[in-house]
Amino acid sequence: MPSAAQDRSHFAMWCIVSSPLILGHDLLDHAVNDRIWPIITHPVALSISQSYAGHPGGLEVLAP
């Protein structure tokens, strides 16, 4: 089972690329629901996901 930090990182990556956010877990598993609820309802993460600017996010390439 992933750690809380891994769960947050994974969800954040999907938010950054404005991917459809689809949950694929057992909704009757209260332990999982309690663990991920603060992550999937985080207002800043959701606002980033919903602010699609016509392209997914990406790495910023810095000039040498």
Protein backbone atom coordinates (compact mmCIF):
# COMPACT_ATOMS: atom_id res chain seq x y z
CA MET A 1 0.00 0.00 0.00
CA PRO A 2 1.41 3.44 -0.90
CA SER A 3 2.28 5.91 1.81
CA ALA A 4 0.32 9.12 2.37
CA ALA A 5 3.11 11.12 0.70
CA GLN A 6 2.96 8.83 -2.35
CA ASP A 7 -0.83 9.20 -2.50
CA ARG A 8 -0.54 13.00 -2.40
CA SER A 9 2.20 13.06 -5.04
CA HIS A 10 0.30 10.75 -7.35
CA PHE A 11 -2.90 12.81 -7.09
CA ALA A 12 -0.96 16.06 -7.55
CA MET A 13 0.60 14.80 -10.77
CA TRP A 14 -2.82 14.00 -12.20
CA CYS A 15 -4.05 17.46 -11.17
CA ILE A 16 -1.09 19.21 -12.83
CA VAL A 17 -1.71 17.58 -16.21
CA SER A 18 -5.44 18.40 -16.01
CA SER A 19 -6.29 14.76 -16.42
CA PRO A 20 -9.81 13.53 -15.66
CA LEU A 21 -9.84 12.64 -11.97
CA ILE A 22 -11.44 9.22 -11.67
CA LEU A 23 -11.40 7.23 -8.45
CA GLY A 24 -10.96 3.49 -8.74
CA HIS A 25 -11.21 2.10 -5.24
CA ASP A 26 -13.75 0.22 -3.15
CA LEU A 27 -16.13 2.90 -1.88
CA LEU A 28 -17.18 0.59 0.94
CA ASP A 29 -13.62 0.44 2.32
CA HIS A 30 -13.84 3.11 5.02
CA ALA A 31 -10.13 2.92 5.86
CA VAL A 32 -9.19 3.87 2.30
CA ASN A 33 -11.89 6.56 2.15
CA ASP A 34 -10.66 8.11 5.39
CA ARG A 35 -7.06 8.10 4.12
CA ILE A 36 -7.69 9.65 0.71
CA TRP A 37 -10.59 12.02 1.46
CA PRO A 38 -8.35 14.95 2.54
CA ILE A 39 -6.29 14.44 -0.63
CA ILE A 40 -9.10 14.23 -3.17
CA THR A 41 -11.03 17.16 -1.67
CA HIS A 42 -8.08 19.53 -1.33
CA PRO A 43 -9.35 22.84 -2.78
CA VAL A 44 -6.01 23.99 -4.21
CA ALA A 45 -5.34 20.68 -5.97
CA LEU A 46 -8.83 20.68 -7.45
CA SER A 47 -8.54 24.29 -8.61
CA ILE A 48 -5.26 23.45 -10.38
CA SER A 49 -6.90 20.48 -12.06
CA GLN A 50 -9.86 22.58 -13.17
CA SER A 51 -7.80 25.48 -14.53
CA TYR A 52 -7.09 23.84 -17.85
CA ALA A 53 -5.30 26.36 -20.09
CA GLY A 54 -5.53 24.43 -23.35
CA HIS A 55 -2.55 22.22 -22.65
CA PRO A 56 -1.43 19.88 -19.90
CA GLY A 57 1.29 20.93 -17.52
CA GLY A 58 4.88 19.98 -18.10
CA LEU A 59 8.44 20.44 -17.01
CA GLU A 60 9.90 23.89 -17.29
CA VAL A 61 13.11 23.71 -19.29
CA LEU A 62 15.67 26.24 -18.13
CA ALA A 63 18.28 27.62 -20.47
CA PRO A 64 21.88 26.85 -19.42
